[in-house]
Protein backbone atom coordinates (compact mmCIF):
# COMPACT_ATOMS: atom_id res chain seq x y z
CA MET A 1 85.79 32.95 66.62
CA ILE A 2 86.69 37.00 66.83
CA LYS A 3 88.90 38.07 69.34
CA ILE A 4 88.14 41.46 70.40
CA LYS A 5 90.97 43.54 71.10
CA LYS A 6 90.64 46.96 73.00
CA LEU A 7 91.36 49.80 70.19
CA LYS A 8 91.91 53.07 70.74
CA SER A 9 89.50 54.48 68.40
CA ASN A 10 86.10 53.79 66.79
CA SER A 11 87.59 54.02 63.38
CA HIS A 12 90.02 51.03 64.28
CA LEU A 13 87.09 49.11 65.49
CA TYR A 14 85.66 49.33 62.15
CA SER A 15 88.15 48.37 60.16
CA TYR A 16 89.18 45.51 61.95
CA ILE A 17 85.60 44.01 62.15
CA ASN A 18 85.38 44.58 58.31
CA ASN A 19 88.59 42.98 57.63
CA LYS A 20 87.19 39.83 59.34
CA LEU A 21 84.05 40.02 58.32
CA PRO A 22 83.82 38.68 54.72
CA LYS A 23 85.21 35.34 55.65
CA TYR A 24 81.91 34.79 57.68
CA LYS A 25 79.39 36.60 55.05
CA CYS A 26 80.96 34.29 52.42
CA SER A 27 79.68 31.05 54.29
CA GLN A 28 76.58 32.98 55.79
CA SER A 29 75.77 33.37 51.46
CA ALA A 30 76.33 29.70 51.06
CA ILE A 31 73.91 28.29 53.67
CA GLU A 32 71.47 31.05 52.33
CA PHE A 33 71.73 29.46 49.08
CA LEU A 34 71.25 25.79 50.49
CA VAL A 35 68.40 26.75 52.38
CA LEU A 36 66.32 28.82 49.43
CA THR A 37 67.43 26.16 47.05
CA GLY A 38 66.00 23.25 49.41
CA PHE A 39 62.95 25.04 50.14
CA LEU A 40 62.42 25.66 45.84
CA LEU A 41 62.72 21.87 45.47
CA PHE A 42 60.50 21.32 48.32
CA SER A 43 57.99 23.66 46.88
CA PHE A 44 58.02 22.46 43.36
CA THR A 45 57.98 18.79 44.44
CA VAL A 46 54.45 19.86 46.69
CA PHE A 47 53.05 21.29 43.57
CA PHE A 48 54.03 18.42 41.04
CA LEU A 49 52.64 15.82 43.93
CA VAL A 50 49.41 17.95 43.83
CA ILE A 51 48.94 18.49 40.30
CA GLU A 52 49.81 14.62 39.57
CA GLY A 53 46.98 13.69 42.34
CA ASN A 54 44.54 15.92 40.45
CA MET A 55 45.08 14.28 36.81
CA SER A 56 44.59 10.91 38.47
CA ASP A 57 41.18 12.02 39.97
CA LYS A 58 40.47 13.17 37.08
CA ILE A 59 41.72 9.88 34.84
CA LYS A 60 39.53 7.98 37.61
CA GLU A 61 36.38 9.90 36.92
CA ARG A 62 36.85 9.75 33.26
CA GLN A 63 36.94 5.88 33.38
CA ASP A 64 34.12 5.36 35.86
CA LEU A 65 31.93 7.78 33.74
CA ALA A 66 32.90 5.41 30.43
CA ILE A 67 31.74 2.20 32.15
CA LYS A 68 28.80 3.37 33.38
CA SER A 69 27.69 4.52 30.16
CA VAL A 70 28.50 1.32 28.45
CA ALA A 71 26.07 -0.52 31.31
CA ILE A 72 23.59 2.06 30.79
CA ALA A 73 23.31 1.75 27.32
CA VAL A 74 22.56 -1.97 27.69
CA GLN A 75 20.20 -1.38 30.72
CA GLU A 76 18.39 1.47 28.44
CA GLU A 77 18.15 -1.16 25.09
CA ILE A 78 16.57 -3.53 27.49
CA ASP A 79 14.34 -1.19 29.08
CA LEU A 80 13.08 -0.15 25.44
CA ALA A 81 12.31 -3.86 24.07
CA PHE A 82 10.16 -3.96 27.56
CA GLN A 83 8.45 -0.95 26.71
CA SER A 84 7.85 -1.84 23.02
CA SER A 85 4.98 -4.21 21.31
CA ASP A 86 6.17 -7.52 20.64
CA GLY A 87 8.04 -7.81 17.10
CA TYR A 88 10.46 -5.51 18.54
CA TYR A 89 13.78 -6.44 17.13
CA ARG A 90 16.84 -4.06 17.55
CA GLN A 91 20.54 -4.42 16.92
CA PHE A 92 23.31 -2.73 19.22
CA ASN A 93 27.13 -2.62 19.83
CA ILE A 94 29.22 -2.33 22.65
CA PRO A 95 32.83 -0.97 22.77
CA GLU A 96 35.69 -4.47 23.11
CA ASN A 97 37.29 -2.49 25.56
CA ILE A 98 36.50 0.96 27.57
CA ASN A 99 39.30 3.68 27.33
CA GLY A 100 41.90 0.82 26.91
CA GLU A 101 40.79 -1.46 29.55
CA GLU A 102 39.31 -4.92 29.20
CA TYR A 103 36.22 -5.90 30.73
CA GLU A 104 33.24 -8.01 31.17
CA ILE A 105 29.79 -7.81 30.79
CA ASN A 106 26.75 -9.93 32.04
CA ILE A 107 23.46 -10.40 32.66
CA THR A 108 23.17 -12.04 36.28
CA GLU A 109 20.30 -11.96 38.83
CA ARG A 110 18.13 -8.94 36.57
CA ALA A 111 21.20 -6.58 36.62
CA VAL A 112 23.81 -5.74 34.12
CA TYR A 113 26.87 -6.44 35.87
CA LEU A 114 30.11 -5.00 34.46
CA ARG A 115 33.51 -4.96 35.58
CA THR A 116 36.94 -4.28 34.40
CA ASN A 117 39.45 -7.36 34.37
CA ASP A 118 41.51 -5.60 37.19
CA GLY A 119 38.95 -5.41 39.19
CA LYS A 120 39.45 -1.67 40.07
CA TYR A 121 35.72 -0.72 38.27
CA ALA A 122 32.77 -2.35 38.49
CA ILE A 123 29.17 -1.46 38.26
CA ALA A 124 25.69 -3.20 38.17
CA LEU A 125 22.82 -1.98 37.19
CA PRO A 126 18.92 -3.41 37.67
CA VAL A 127 17.16 -4.63 34.53
CA LYS A 128 13.86 -6.56 34.18
CA ASN A 129 13.91 -10.39 33.60
CA VAL A 130 16.07 -10.97 30.37
CA THR A 131 16.72 -14.18 28.60
CA GLY A 132 20.52 -14.73 27.04
CA ASP A 133 23.51 -12.30 27.72
CA VAL A 134 25.27 -9.66 26.06
CA VAL A 135 28.37 -9.89 23.79
CA LYS A 136 30.87 -7.22 22.84
CA GLN A 137 32.40 -6.34 19.79
CA PRO A 138 33.23 -7.17 17.23
CA GLU A 139 29.67 -8.93 17.70
CA ILE A 140 26.47 -7.71 17.17
CA ASN A 141 24.08 -7.75 20.12
CA THR A 142 20.25 -8.69 18.69
CA ILE A 143 17.49 -7.94 21.10
CA ARG A 144 13.82 -9.03 20.42
CA LYS A 145 10.40 -9.38 22.04
CA GLU A 146 8.47 -12.16 21.09
CA ASN A 147 5.41 -13.40 23.05
CA GLY A 148 6.01 -10.51 25.90
CA GLU A 149 9.54 -12.07 26.29
CA VAL A 150 12.63 -10.12 25.95
CA LYS A 151 15.17 -12.43 24.49
CA LEU A 152 18.95 -11.07 24.19
CA ASN A 153 21.44 -12.93 21.38
CA ILE A 154 18.81 -15.68 21.23
CA ASN A 155 17.29 -16.63 17.66
């Protein structure tokens, strides 16, 4: 605490205050530095959290799109077989994993059902009545149409 003495002239007052002031300026600078450093650290943390959130959303979108494309490819193969005439025969592959994720795919109750093994992603797309089921690589899927019936992986 600064004690104010009664001085005879203003010049003595300024010199007295200037002699006492450097101690307070030093501690004030340290506090300002800490506040500024804390603010910058907080700002960078918020910035990186926002960036990480956006990256996470993009990864989820890409995975969702890849899963949909596999299910749609199977759905389109089945639709193409139904639209074709008897004697239609075609072979096609589906990937063993999608972006490194293991998954299961099957045809259940007139739907192509695909889901990842971790359960985070799943999709079901309607298909016409087909006999058989889908297999993943390295095996090849064969689809054929005989007597108006579409058969998937059935000889």
